[in-house]
Amino acid sequence: MKTALLLLLFCLSEAAADDIRWEVKALFQRFKSQLEGQHADMASRLSASETKMEELVVEMQKHKAAMNLEITQLKGEVKGLKQLKADKSCPSGWTEFGDSCYYTAMTEGESWQRSREYCRNQGADLVVINSREEQDFIDGIVGDNRLWIGLTDSEKEGTWKWVDGTPLTTPTYWGGAQPDGGDGGAGGEDCAVFETAQWHDYPCGVASYWICEIVC
């Protein structure tokens, strides 16, 4: 009886051990499956990250190429502008200011019309004054001399226009009670001179020096 009981206990122990081994084995398999699943997920994420990184690298290379092309184009434009500025340098004997070149004829006086013809033969015209800065610049090179400027009311008395056709709407620098004169006839004062930092209307036929301007 005692031997049979021991045998029964041994069999029960073996069965319990088998159950435990199966449970351990099943637990190991589940753990292994979980690890493999996590590994596969990490591998997938890593692969996606690598793909995204490669796409970003390609995109950055495209941007770099575009920027290099734009820089090259800008360098070409700057070079072209420098060349354009060099090509537009003032002729010998002319003075540059802003975007224009100026020539003062102060050797022999001419009428307003003859003075303008001289300027036009040089590819220029009598000066058109558009700003305080230009007024001051001309005052600096004219000194105390009297010079024709490109301003006249010969078409209609009292309606002053510049030689480029624009009406006198810019700041004016008439001296004293100027313009003061004439009836528009032969003896009228229909042309403007620059004298002592001011403008004066003057008979167009009087001989005066003049100042030409080329707008670049």
N, C-alpha and C. Protein backbone atom coordinates (compact mmCIF):
# COMPACT_ATOMS: atom_id res chain seq x y z
N MET A 1 0.83 -1.21 0.00
CA MET A 1 0.00 0.00 0.00
C MET A 1 0.86 1.24 0.00
N LYS A 2 1.87 1.23 0.75
CA LYS A 2 2.77 2.36 0.83
C LYS A 2 3.49 2.55 -0.48
N THR A 3 3.84 1.45 -1.12
CA THR A 3 4.55 1.55 -2.40
C THR A 3 3.62 2.12 -3.46
N ALA A 4 2.39 1.71 -3.47
CA ALA A 4 1.42 2.22 -4.45
C ALA A 4 1.19 3.72 -4.25
N LEU A 5 1.15 4.15 -3.01
CA LEU A 5 0.97 5.60 -2.73
C LEU A 5 2.13 6.40 -3.23
N LEU A 6 3.31 5.88 -3.01
CA LEU A 6 4.51 6.58 -3.50
C LEU A 6 4.52 6.66 -5.01
N LEU A 7 4.10 5.56 -5.63
CA LEU A 7 4.06 5.55 -7.10
C LEU A 7 3.06 6.58 -7.61
N LEU A 8 1.90 6.65 -6.90
CA LEU A 8 0.89 7.63 -7.30
C LEU A 8 1.41 9.06 -7.16
N LEU A 9 2.08 9.30 -6.07
CA LEU A 9 2.65 10.65 -5.85
C LEU A 9 3.69 10.99 -6.91
N PHE A 10 4.48 9.99 -7.28
CA PHE A 10 5.51 10.21 -8.30
C PHE A 10 4.87 10.57 -9.63
N CYS A 11 3.80 9.83 -9.98
CA CYS A 11 3.10 10.10 -11.25
C CYS A 11 2.48 11.49 -11.26
N LEU A 12 1.88 11.84 -10.11
CA LEU A 12 1.29 13.20 -10.01
C LEU A 12 2.38 14.28 -10.15
N SER A 13 3.52 14.04 -9.56
CA SER A 13 4.62 15.02 -9.65
C SER A 13 5.09 15.17 -11.08
N GLU A 14 5.20 13.99 -11.78
CA GLU A 14 5.63 14.05 -13.17
C GLU A 14 4.62 14.81 -14.02
N ALA A 15 3.33 14.57 -13.76
CA ALA A 15 2.28 15.27 -14.52
C ALA A 15 2.34 16.78 -14.25
N ALA A 16 2.55 17.15 -12.99
CA ALA A 16 2.65 18.58 -12.65
C ALA A 16 3.86 19.20 -13.32
N ALA A 17 4.96 18.42 -13.31
CA ALA A 17 6.17 18.93 -13.96
C ALA A 17 5.97 19.13 -15.44
N ASP A 18 5.24 18.15 -16.05
CA ASP A 18 4.94 18.31 -17.49
C ASP A 18 4.10 19.54 -17.74
N ASP A 19 3.10 19.77 -16.87
CA ASP A 19 2.26 20.97 -17.02
C ASP A 19 3.09 22.25 -16.91
N ILE A 20 3.99 22.23 -15.94
CA ILE A 20 4.83 23.41 -15.74
C ILE A 20 5.72 23.64 -16.96
N ARG A 21 6.30 22.51 -17.48
CA ARG A 21 7.16 22.64 -18.66
C ARG A 21 6.39 23.20 -19.84
N TRP A 22 5.13 22.70 -20.03
CA TRP A 22 4.31 23.21 -21.13
C TRP A 22 3.98 24.70 -20.94
N GLU A 23 3.65 25.06 -19.72
CA GLU A 23 3.33 26.47 -19.45
C GLU A 23 4.55 27.37 -19.70
N VAL A 24 5.72 26.87 -19.24
CA VAL A 24 6.95 27.64 -19.46
C VAL A 24 7.23 27.77 -20.95
N LYS A 25 7.06 26.62 -21.64
CA LYS A 25 7.31 26.63 -23.08
C LYS A 25 6.35 27.58 -23.79
N ALA A 26 5.08 27.55 -23.41
CA ALA A 26 4.07 28.44 -24.01
C ALA A 26 4.39 29.90 -23.71
N LEU A 27 4.77 30.13 -22.46
CA LEU A 27 5.14 31.49 -22.07
C LEU A 27 6.33 31.98 -22.87
N PHE A 28 7.31 31.11 -23.06
CA PHE A 28 8.49 31.46 -23.85
C PHE A 28 8.11 31.78 -25.29
N GLN A 29 7.22 30.96 -25.85
CA GLN A 29 6.79 31.18 -27.23
C GLN A 29 6.07 32.52 -27.38
N ARG A 30 5.19 32.82 -26.39
CA ARG A 30 4.49 34.11 -26.43
C ARG A 30 5.48 35.27 -26.34
N PHE A 31 6.43 35.14 -25.41
CA PHE A 31 7.44 36.18 -25.24
C PHE A 31 8.29 36.35 -26.51
N LYS A 32 8.62 35.15 -27.09
CA LYS A 32 9.40 35.19 -28.33
C LYS A 32 8.62 35.86 -29.45
N SER A 33 7.33 35.52 -29.56
CA SER A 33 6.47 36.13 -30.59
C SER A 33 6.36 37.63 -30.39
N GLN A 34 6.20 38.05 -29.11
CA GLN A 34 6.12 39.47 -28.82
C GLN A 34 7.41 40.19 -29.22
N LEU A 35 8.54 39.56 -28.87
CA LEU A 35 9.83 40.16 -29.23
C LEU A 35 9.99 40.25 -30.74
N GLU A 36 9.61 39.17 -31.43
CA GLU A 36 9.71 39.18 -32.89
C GLU A 36 8.79 40.25 -33.48
N GLY A 37 7.59 40.39 -32.92
CA GLY A 37 6.68 41.42 -33.39
C GLY A 37 7.22 42.82 -33.16
N GLN A 38 7.78 43.04 -31.98
CA GLN A 38 8.38 44.34 -31.67
C GLN A 38 9.57 44.62 -32.57
N HIS A 39 10.34 43.56 -32.82
CA HIS A 39 11.51 43.72 -33.69
C HIS A 39 11.07 44.09 -35.11
N ALA A 40 10.03 43.38 -35.59
CA ALA A 40 9.52 43.68 -36.92
C ALA A 40 8.99 45.10 -37.01
N ASP A 41 8.28 45.54 -35.95
CA ASP A 41 7.74 46.90 -35.93
C ASP A 41 8.86 47.93 -35.92
N MET A 42 9.89 47.68 -35.09
CA MET A 42 11.04 48.60 -35.03
C MET A 42 11.77 48.63 -36.36
N ALA A 43 11.91 47.44 -36.99
CA ALA A 43 12.57 47.38 -38.29
C ALA A 43 11.78 48.16 -39.33
N SER A 44 10.44 48.03 -39.26
CA SER A 44 9.59 48.75 -40.20
C SER A 44 9.71 50.27 -40.00
N ARG A 45 9.68 50.67 -38.70
CA ARG A 45 9.83 52.10 -38.41
C ARG A 45 11.19 52.61 -38.84
N LEU A 46 12.21 51.82 -38.61
CA LEU A 46 13.56 52.22 -39.00
C LEU A 46 13.67 52.36 -40.51
N SER A 47 13.07 51.40 -41.22
CA SER A 47 13.08 51.46 -42.67
C SER A 47 12.34 52.71 -43.17
N ALA A 48 11.19 53.01 -42.53
CA ALA A 48 10.42 54.21 -42.91
C ALA A 48 11.22 55.47 -42.63
N SER A 49 11.93 55.48 -41.48
CA SER A 49 12.75 56.64 -41.12
C SER A 49 13.89 56.82 -42.13
N GLU A 50 14.51 55.71 -42.51
CA GLU A 50 15.59 55.78 -43.49
C GLU A 50 15.08 56.30 -44.83
N THR A 51 13.88 55.82 -45.22
CA THR A 51 13.29 56.30 -46.47
C THR A 51 12.99 57.79 -46.40
N LYS A 52 12.42 58.23 -45.26
CA LYS A 52 12.12 59.65 -45.07
C LYS A 52 13.40 60.48 -45.09
N MET A 53 14.45 59.95 -44.46
CA MET A 53 15.73 60.65 -44.44
C MET A 53 16.29 60.79 -45.85
N GLU A 54 16.19 59.71 -46.61
CA GLU A 54 16.67 59.76 -47.99
C GLU A 54 15.88 60.78 -48.81
N GLU A 55 14.57 60.84 -48.58
CA GLU A 55 13.74 61.82 -49.29
C GLU A 55 14.14 63.24 -48.90
N LEU A 56 14.40 63.44 -47.60
CA LEU A 56 14.83 64.76 -47.15
C LEU A 56 16.17 65.15 -47.75
N VAL A 57 17.08 64.19 -47.83
CA VAL A 57 18.40 64.46 -48.43
C VAL A 57 18.25 64.86 -49.89
N VAL A 58 17.39 64.12 -50.62
CA VAL A 58 17.14 64.44 -52.03
C VAL A 58 16.54 65.83 -52.16
N GLU A 59 15.56 66.15 -51.27
CA GLU A 59 14.91 67.46 -51.31
C GLU A 59 15.90 68.57 -51.01
N MET A 60 16.77 68.35 -50.03
CA MET A 60 17.78 69.35 -49.68
C MET A 60 18.76 69.55 -50.84
N GLN A 61 19.10 68.46 -51.51
CA GLN A 61 20.00 68.58 -52.66
C GLN A 61 19.35 69.38 -53.77
N LYS A 62 18.02 69.19 -53.96
CA LYS A 62 17.30 69.98 -54.96
C LYS A 62 17.31 71.45 -54.60
N HIS A 63 17.03 71.75 -53.31
CA HIS A 63 17.03 73.14 -52.85
C HIS A 63 18.42 73.76 -53.02
N LYS A 64 19.45 72.98 -52.70
CA LYS A 64 20.81 73.47 -52.82
C LYS A 64 21.14 73.79 -54.27
N ALA A 65 20.73 72.90 -55.17
CA ALA A 65 20.96 73.13 -56.60
C ALA A 65 20.22 74.37 -57.08
N ALA A 66 18.96 74.54 -56.60
CA ALA A 66 18.17 75.72 -56.98
C ALA A 66 18.81 77.00 -56.46
N MET A 67 19.29 76.95 -55.20
CA MET A 67 19.94 78.12 -54.61
C MET A 67 21.23 78.45 -55.35
N ASN A 68 22.00 77.43 -55.70
CA ASN A 68 23.24 77.67 -56.44
C ASN A 68 22.95 78.30 -57.80
N LEU A 69 21.86 77.82 -58.44
CA LEU A 69 21.48 78.39 -59.73
C LEU A 69 21.06 79.84 -59.57
N GLU A 70 20.28 80.11 -58.50
CA GLU A 70 19.83 81.49 -58.26
C GLU A 70 21.01 82.40 -57.95
N ILE A 71 21.96 81.90 -57.16
CA ILE A 71 23.16 82.69 -56.85
C ILE A 71 23.94 82.99 -58.12
N THR A 72 24.06 81.98 -58.98
CA THR A 72 24.77 82.18 -60.25
C THR A 72 24.08 83.23 -61.10
N GLN A 73 22.73 83.17 -61.13
CA GLN A 73 21.97 84.14 -61.91
C GLN A 73 22.12 85.55 -61.34
N LEU A 74 22.09 85.65 -59.99
CA LEU A 74 22.24 86.96 -59.34
C LEU A 74 23.62 87.53 -59.61
N LYS A 75 24.64 86.67 -59.57
CA LYS A 75 25.99 87.14 -59.87
C LYS A 75 26.06 87.67 -61.30
N GLY A 76 25.37 86.97 -62.20
CA GLY A 76 25.35 87.43 -63.59
C GLY A 76 24.65 88.77 -63.74
N GLU A 77 23.53 88.93 -62.97
CA GLU A 77 22.80 90.20 -63.03
C GLU A 77 23.64 91.34 -62.46
N VAL A 78 24.33 91.07 -61.34
CA VAL A 78 25.19 92.10 -60.74
C VAL A 78 26.29 92.48 -61.72
N LYS A 79 26.89 91.49 -62.35
CA LYS A 79 27.94 91.75 -63.33
C LYS A 79 27.39 92.58 -64.49
N GLY A 80 26.16 92.21 -64.92
CA GLY A 80 25.55 92.96 -66.01
C GLY A 80 25.25 94.40 -65.62
N LEU A 81 24.78 94.60 -64.37
CA LEU A 81 24.50 95.97 -63.91
C LEU A 81 25.78 96.79 -63.81
N LYS A 82 26.84 96.14 -63.33
CA LYS A 82 28.12 96.86 -63.26
C LYS A 82 28.60 97.24 -64.65
N GLN A 83 28.43 96.31 -65.60
CA GLN A 83 28.84 96.61 -66.96
C GLN A 83 27.98 97.70 -67.56
N LEU A 84 26.66 97.63 -67.23
CA LEU A 84 25.74 98.65 -67.74
C LEU A 84 26.11 100.02 -67.20
N LYS A 85 26.45 100.07 -65.90
CA LYS A 85 26.86 101.34 -65.30
C LYS A 85 28.15 101.85 -65.94
N ALA A 86 29.08 100.91 -66.20
CA ALA A 86 30.33 101.30 -66.85
C ALA A 86 30.07 101.82 -68.26
N ASP A 87 29.14 101.15 -68.96
CA ASP A 87 28.82 101.57 -70.32
C ASP A 87 28.13 102.93 -70.34
N LYS A 88 27.45 103.25 -69.22
CA LYS A 88 26.71 104.51 -69.16
C LYS A 88 27.51 105.60 -68.45
N SER A 89 28.80 105.44 -68.33
CA SER A 89 29.61 106.47 -67.71
C SER A 89 29.56 107.73 -68.56
N CYS A 90 29.71 108.86 -67.92
CA CYS A 90 29.56 110.15 -68.60
C CYS A 90 30.68 110.37 -69.62
N PRO A 91 30.34 111.04 -70.72
CA PRO A 91 31.37 111.38 -71.71
C PRO A 91 32.43 112.30 -71.10
N SER A 92 33.55 112.35 -71.73
CA SER A 92 34.63 113.21 -71.26
C SER A 92 34.17 114.66 -71.22
N GLY A 93 34.45 115.34 -70.12
CA GLY A 93 34.06 116.74 -69.98
C GLY A 93 32.69 116.93 -69.35
N TRP A 94 31.96 115.82 -69.12
CA TRP A 94 30.65 115.88 -68.48
C TRP A 94 30.77 115.49 -67.02
N THR A 95 29.84 115.95 -66.20
CA THR A 95 29.86 115.67 -64.77
C THR A 95 28.68 114.77 -64.41
N GLU A 96 28.95 113.73 -63.65
CA GLU A 96 27.89 112.79 -63.27
C GLU A 96 27.26 113.18 -61.94
N PHE A 97 25.94 113.08 -61.89
CA PHE A 97 25.21 113.28 -60.63
C PHE A 97 23.93 112.47 -60.71
N GLY A 98 23.72 111.59 -59.72
CA GLY A 98 22.54 110.73 -59.76
C GLY A 98 22.57 109.85 -61.00
N ASP A 99 21.49 109.88 -61.76
CA ASP A 99 21.39 109.08 -62.98
C ASP A 99 21.59 109.92 -64.23
N SER A 100 22.23 111.06 -64.09
CA SER A 100 22.39 111.95 -65.24
C SER A 100 23.83 112.43 -65.38
N CYS A 101 24.13 112.92 -66.58
CA CYS A 101 25.42 113.56 -66.86
C CYS A 101 25.13 115.00 -67.29
N TYR A 102 25.98 115.91 -66.86
CA TYR A 102 25.75 117.34 -67.10
C TYR A 102 26.95 117.96 -67.77
N TYR A 103 26.64 118.91 -68.67
CA TYR A 103 27.70 119.65 -69.35
C TYR A 103 27.36 121.13 -69.30
N THR A 104 28.26 121.92 -68.78
CA THR A 104 28.05 123.36 -68.71
C THR A 104 28.87 124.04 -69.80
N ALA A 105 28.19 124.77 -70.67
CA ALA A 105 28.85 125.52 -71.75
C ALA A 105 29.00 126.96 -71.29
N MET A 106 30.22 127.32 -70.92
CA MET A 106 30.43 128.66 -70.37
C MET A 106 31.63 129.34 -71.04
N THR A 107 31.65 129.23 -72.37
CA THR A 107 32.71 129.92 -73.12
C THR A 107 32.13 131.04 -73.98
N GLU A 108 30.99 130.77 -74.61
CA GLU A 108 30.36 131.76 -75.48
C GLU A 108 28.86 131.61 -75.38
N GLY A 109 28.16 132.72 -75.18
CA GLY A 109 26.72 132.66 -75.00
C GLY A 109 25.96 132.44 -76.30
N GLU A 110 24.80 131.83 -76.20
CA GLU A 110 23.90 131.61 -77.34
C GLU A 110 22.46 131.85 -76.88
N SER A 111 21.55 131.94 -77.85
CA SER A 111 20.13 132.05 -77.52
C SER A 111 19.65 130.74 -76.90
N TRP A 112 18.46 130.77 -76.32
CA TRP A 112 17.92 129.55 -75.71
C TRP A 112 17.78 128.44 -76.75
N GLN A 113 17.26 128.79 -77.94
CA GLN A 113 17.04 127.79 -78.98
C GLN A 113 18.36 127.22 -79.50
N ARG A 114 19.35 128.08 -79.73
CA ARG A 114 20.65 127.60 -80.21
C ARG A 114 21.34 126.76 -79.15
N SER A 115 21.15 127.15 -77.90
CA SER A 115 21.73 126.36 -76.80
C SER A 115 21.10 124.97 -76.76
N ARG A 116 19.80 124.92 -76.96
CA ARG A 116 19.12 123.62 -76.94
C ARG A 116 19.57 122.77 -78.14
N GLU A 117 19.75 123.39 -79.29
CA GLU A 117 20.22 122.64 -80.46
C GLU A 117 21.59 122.03 -80.20
N TYR A 118 22.45 122.77 -79.51
CA TYR A 118 23.77 122.23 -79.17
C TYR A 118 23.62 120.98 -78.30
N CYS A 119 22.78 121.08 -77.27
CA CYS A 119 22.58 119.94 -76.37
C CYS A 119 22.04 118.74 -77.14
N ARG A 120 21.05 118.96 -77.99
CA ARG A 120 20.43 117.86 -78.72
C ARG A 120 21.42 117.20 -79.68
N ASN A 121 22.32 117.99 -80.22
CA ASN A 121 23.37 117.41 -81.09
C ASN A 121 24.33 116.52 -80.31
N GLN A 122 24.36 116.66 -79.00
CA GLN A 122 25.21 115.82 -78.14
C GLN A 122 24.43 114.63 -77.57
N GLY A 123 23.19 114.43 -78.05
CA GLY A 123 22.35 113.37 -77.50
C GLY A 123 21.77 113.74 -76.16
N ALA A 124 21.69 115.01 -75.87
CA ALA A 124 21.20 115.50 -74.57
C ALA A 124 20.09 116.51 -74.80
N ASP A 125 19.80 117.31 -73.79
CA ASP A 125 18.85 118.41 -73.90
C ASP A 125 19.18 119.38 -72.78
N LEU A 126 18.57 120.56 -72.83
CA LEU A 126 18.75 121.49 -71.73
C LEU A 126 18.24 120.84 -70.44
N VAL A 127 18.88 121.16 -69.34
CA VAL A 127 18.63 120.46 -68.08
C VAL A 127 17.19 120.61 -67.61
N VAL A 128 16.66 119.52 -67.07
CA VAL A 128 15.35 119.50 -66.40
C VAL A 128 15.62 119.25 -64.92
N ILE A 129 15.20 120.18 -64.08
CA ILE A 129 15.49 120.11 -62.64
C ILE A 129 14.30 119.49 -61.92
N ASN A 130 14.53 118.34 -61.28
CA ASN A 130 13.44 117.59 -60.67
C ASN A 130 13.45 117.54 -59.15
N SER A 131 14.50 118.07 -58.52
CA SER A 131 14.57 117.92 -57.07
C SER A 131 15.44 119.01 -56.47
N ARG A 132 15.33 119.15 -55.14
CA ARG A 132 16.17 120.09 -54.40
C ARG A 132 17.64 119.70 -54.52
N GLU A 133 17.91 118.39 -54.51
CA GLU A 133 19.29 117.92 -54.61
C GLU A 133 19.89 118.30 -55.95
N GLU A 134 19.12 118.15 -57.02
CA GLU A 134 19.62 118.52 -58.34
C GLU A 134 19.80 120.02 -58.45
N GLN A 135 18.88 120.78 -57.87
CA GLN A 135 19.00 122.25 -57.83
C GLN A 135 20.30 122.66 -57.15
N ASP A 136 20.58 122.06 -56.00
CA ASP A 136 21.80 122.40 -55.26
C ASP A 136 23.05 121.98 -56.03
N PHE A 137 22.98 120.82 -56.68
CA PHE A 137 24.12 120.35 -57.47
C PHE A 137 24.44 121.34 -58.59
N ILE A 138 23.40 121.77 -59.31
CA ILE A 138 23.61 122.72 -60.41
C ILE A 138 24.13 124.05 -59.89
N ASP A 139 23.62 124.47 -58.74
CA ASP A 139 24.11 125.71 -58.14
C ASP A 139 25.61 125.61 -57.85
N GLY A 140 26.05 124.39 -57.47
CA GLY A 140 27.45 124.21 -57.15
C GLY A 140 28.37 124.29 -58.35
N ILE A 141 27.88 123.92 -59.53
CA ILE A 141 28.75 123.95 -60.71
C ILE A 141 28.55 125.20 -61.56
N VAL A 142 27.45 125.92 -61.33
CA VAL A 142 27.17 127.13 -62.12
C VAL A 142 27.86 128.36 -61.55
N GLY A 143 27.93 128.43 -60.22
CA GLY A 143 28.52 129.60 -59.60
C GLY A 143 27.67 130.84 -59.82
N ASP A 144 28.31 131.95 -60.16
CA ASP A 144 27.59 133.22 -60.36
C ASP A 144 27.19 133.45 -61.81
N ASN A 145 27.36 132.45 -62.66
CA ASN A 145 27.04 132.61 -64.07
C ASN A 145 25.54 132.45 -64.32
N ARG A 146 25.11 132.93 -65.48
CA ARG A 146 23.72 132.81 -65.90
C ARG A 146 23.65 131.79 -67.04
N LEU A 147 22.85 130.73 -66.83
CA LEU A 147 22.78 129.66 -67.82
C LEU A 147 21.33 129.31 -68.14
N TRP A 148 21.11 129.00 -69.42
CA TRP A 148 19.79 128.53 -69.83
C TRP A 148 19.49 127.16 -69.22
N ILE A 149 18.24 126.96 -68.81
CA ILE A 149 17.77 125.64 -68.40
C ILE A 149 16.60 125.27 -69.30
N GLY A 150 16.19 124.02 -69.26
CA GLY A 150 15.17 123.54 -70.20
C GLY A 150 13.75 123.85 -69.80
N LEU A 151 13.46 125.11 -69.53
CA LEU A 151 12.13 125.52 -69.07
C LEU A 151 11.65 126.70 -69.89
N THR A 152 10.41 126.62 -70.42
CA THR A 152 9.90 127.70 -71.27
C THR A 152 8.37 127.74 -71.21
N ASP A 153 7.82 128.95 -71.46
CA ASP A 153 6.37 129.09 -71.62
C ASP A 153 6.07 129.66 -72.99
N SER A 154 6.92 129.35 -73.97
CA SER A 154 6.78 129.91 -75.31
C SER A 154 5.54 129.40 -76.03
N GLU A 155 5.03 128.21 -75.66
CA GLU A 155 3.83 127.70 -76.31
C GLU A 155 2.59 128.44 -75.81
N LYS A 156 2.52 128.67 -74.51
CA LYS A 156 1.39 129.39 -73.93
C LYS A 156 1.88 130.22 -72.77
N GLU A 157 1.67 131.49 -72.85
CA GLU A 157 2.16 132.41 -71.84
C GLU A 157 1.64 132.03 -70.45
N GLY A 158 2.59 131.88 -69.53
CA GLY A 158 2.25 131.57 -68.15
C GLY A 158 2.19 130.07 -67.86
N THR A 159 2.21 129.25 -68.90
CA THR A 159 2.21 127.80 -68.70
C THR A 159 3.61 127.27 -68.98
N TRP A 160 4.36 127.09 -67.93
CA TRP A 160 5.76 126.70 -68.07
C TRP A 160 5.88 125.18 -68.18
N LYS A 161 6.68 124.77 -69.16
CA LYS A 161 6.94 123.35 -69.39
C LYS A 161 8.43 123.10 -69.55
N TRP A 162 8.81 121.89 -69.15
CA TRP A 162 10.19 121.46 -69.38
C TRP A 162 10.34 120.95 -70.81
N VAL A 163 11.57 120.88 -71.29
CA VAL A 163 11.81 120.46 -72.66
C VAL A 163 11.42 119.00 -72.91
N ASP A 164 11.24 118.20 -71.84
CA ASP A 164 10.80 116.81 -72.04
C ASP A 164 9.27 116.72 -72.10
N GLY A 165 8.60 117.89 -72.11
CA GLY A 165 7.15 117.93 -72.25
C GLY A 165 6.37 117.93 -70.96
N THR A 166 7.04 117.74 -69.84
CA THR A 166 6.33 117.69 -68.56
C THR A 166 6.04 119.11 -68.06
N PRO A 167 4.86 119.32 -67.48
CA PRO A 167 4.55 120.65 -66.94
C PRO A 167 5.36 120.91 -65.68
N LEU A 168 5.47 122.16 -65.33
CA LEU A 168 6.22 122.55 -64.15
C LEU A 168 5.38 122.28 -62.91
N THR A 169 5.50 121.06 -62.37
CA THR A 169 4.77 120.69 -61.16
C THR A 169 5.73 120.36 -60.02
N THR A 170 7.00 120.17 -60.34
CA THR A 170 7.99 119.89 -59.30
C THR A 170 8.26 121.16 -58.51
N PRO A 171 8.92 121.05 -57.36
CA PRO A 171 9.26 122.27 -56.60
C PRO A 171 9.96 123.29 -57.48
N THR A 172 9.54 124.54 -57.36
CA THR A 172 10.11 125.60 -58.20
C THR A 172 11.03 126.48 -57.36
N TYR A 173 11.97 127.09 -58.06
CA TYR A 173 12.97 127.90 -57.37
C TYR A 173 13.09 129.26 -58.05
N TRP A 174 11.93 129.84 -58.36
CA TRP A 174 11.92 131.18 -58.95
C TRP A 174 12.46 132.19 -57.95
N GLY A 175 13.17 133.16 -58.45
CA GLY A 175 13.69 134.21 -57.60
C GLY A 175 12.71 135.37 -57.47
N GLY A 176 12.59 135.90 -56.28
CA GLY A 176 11.77 137.10 -56.06
C GLY A 176 10.38 137.00 -56.64
N ALA A 177 10.02 137.96 -57.50
CA ALA A 177 8.69 137.99 -58.12
C ALA A 177 8.67 137.23 -59.44
N GLN A 178 9.68 136.44 -59.71
CA GLN A 178 9.75 135.70 -60.95
C GLN A 178 8.73 134.54 -60.97
N PRO A 179 8.27 134.19 -62.18
CA PRO A 179 8.48 134.87 -63.47
C PRO A 179 7.62 136.12 -63.55
N ASP A 180 8.16 137.15 -64.16
CA ASP A 180 7.46 138.44 -64.09
C ASP A 180 7.14 139.02 -65.44
N GLY A 181 7.43 138.25 -66.52
CA GLY A 181 7.35 139.03 -67.66
C GLY A 181 6.95 138.74 -69.01
N GLY A 182 6.69 139.84 -69.70
CA GLY A 182 6.49 139.82 -71.13
C GLY A 182 5.07 139.46 -71.52
N ASP A 183 4.80 139.73 -72.79
CA ASP A 183 3.47 139.48 -73.33
C ASP A 183 3.45 138.24 -74.22
N GLY A 184 4.56 137.48 -74.23
CA GLY A 184 4.63 136.30 -75.08
C GLY A 184 5.09 136.60 -76.48
N GLY A 185 5.28 137.87 -76.84
CA GLY A 185 5.73 138.23 -78.17
C GLY A 185 7.23 138.16 -78.28
N ALA A 186 7.76 138.85 -79.29
CA ALA A 186 9.19 138.81 -79.56
C ALA A 186 9.98 139.35 -78.39
N GLY A 187 9.39 140.29 -77.68
CA GLY A 187 10.12 140.88 -76.56
C GLY A 187 9.80 140.24 -75.24
N GLY A 188 9.01 139.13 -75.25
CA GLY A 188 8.61 138.49 -74.01
C GLY A 188 9.75 137.72 -73.36
N GLU A 189 9.52 137.42 -72.11
CA GLU A 189 10.51 136.63 -71.35
C GLU A 189 9.95 135.21 -71.18
N ASP A 190 10.21 134.41 -72.20
CA ASP A 190 9.56 133.11 -72.27
C ASP A 190 10.50 131.94 -72.00
N CYS A 191 11.72 132.20 -71.64
CA CYS A 191 12.67 131.13 -71.36
C CYS A 191 13.30 131.37 -69.98
N ALA A 192 13.74 130.31 -69.37
CA ALA A 192 14.24 130.42 -68.00
C ALA A 192 15.76 130.24 -67.94
N VAL A 193 16.37 131.04 -67.07
CA VAL A 193 17.80 130.92 -66.81
C VAL A 193 18.00 130.56 -65.33
N PHE A 194 19.14 129.96 -65.08
CA PHE A 194 19.56 129.65 -63.71
C PHE A 194 20.62 130.69 -63.34
N GLU A 195 20.36 131.44 -62.28
CA GLU A 195 21.29 132.51 -61.89
C GLU A 195 21.20 132.72 -60.38
N THR A 196 22.36 132.72 -59.73
CA THR A 196 22.45 132.92 -58.27
C THR A 196 21.48 132.02 -57.51
N ALA A 197 21.50 130.74 -57.86
CA ALA A 197 20.71 129.71 -57.19
C ALA A 197 19.21 129.88 -57.35
N GLN A 198 18.79 130.70 -58.34
CA GLN A 198 17.37 130.93 -58.57
C GLN A 198 17.07 130.87 -60.06
N TRP A 199 15.77 130.77 -60.37
CA TRP A 199 15.34 130.81 -61.76
C TRP A 199 14.78 132.20 -62.07
N HIS A 200 15.02 132.62 -63.31
CA HIS A 200 14.48 133.90 -63.78
C HIS A 200 13.98 133.71 -65.20
N ASP A 201 12.82 134.31 -65.51
CA ASP A 201 12.40 134.30 -66.91
C ASP A 201 13.18 135.37 -67.66
N TYR A 202 13.48 135.06 -68.93
CA TYR A 202 14.41 135.90 -69.67
C TYR A 202 14.04 135.85 -71.15
N PRO A 203 14.31 136.91 -71.89
CA PRO A 203 14.06 136.86 -73.34
C PRO A 203 14.86 135.73 -73.98
N CYS A 204 14.20 134.90 -74.76
CA CYS A 204 14.83 133.69 -75.31
C CYS A 204 15.96 134.00 -76.28
N GLY A 205 15.98 135.18 -76.87
CA GLY A 205 17.00 135.51 -77.86
C GLY A 205 18.28 136.06 -77.27
N VAL A 206 18.31 136.35 -75.97
CA VAL A 206 19.51 136.89 -75.33
C VAL A 206 20.58 135.80 -75.24
N ALA A 207 21.81 136.18 -75.49
CA ALA A 207 22.91 135.21 -75.42
C ALA A 207 23.26 134.90 -73.97
N SER A 208 23.23 133.63 -73.64
CA SER A 208 23.60 133.18 -72.29
C SER A 208 24.33 131.83 -72.40
N TYR A 209 25.03 131.50 -71.35
CA TYR A 209 25.60 130.15 -71.27
C TYR A 209 24.45 129.16 -71.08
N TRP A 210 24.76 127.88 -71.06
CA TRP A 210 23.71 126.88 -70.89
C TRP A 210 24.25 125.62 -70.24
N ILE A 211 23.34 124.77 -69.81
CA ILE A 211 23.71 123.50 -69.18
C ILE A 211 22.88 122.37 -69.79
N CYS A 212 23.57 121.36 -70.29
CA CYS A 212 22.91 120.21 -70.92
C CYS A 212 22.84 119.05 -69.93
N GLU A 213 21.88 118.15 -70.17
CA GLU A 213 21.73 116.97 -69.32
C GLU A 213 21.43 115.74 -70.18
N ILE A 214 22.16 114.66 -69.91
CA ILE A 214 21.85 113.34 -70.46
C ILE A 214 21.31 112.50 -69.32
N VAL A 215 20.10 111.99 -69.50
CA VAL A 215 19.53 111.09 -68.49
C VAL A 215 19.91 109.67 -68.86
N CYS A 216 20.64 108.99 -67.98
CA CYS A 216 21.13 107.64 -68.28
C CYS A 216 20.02 106.61 -68.08
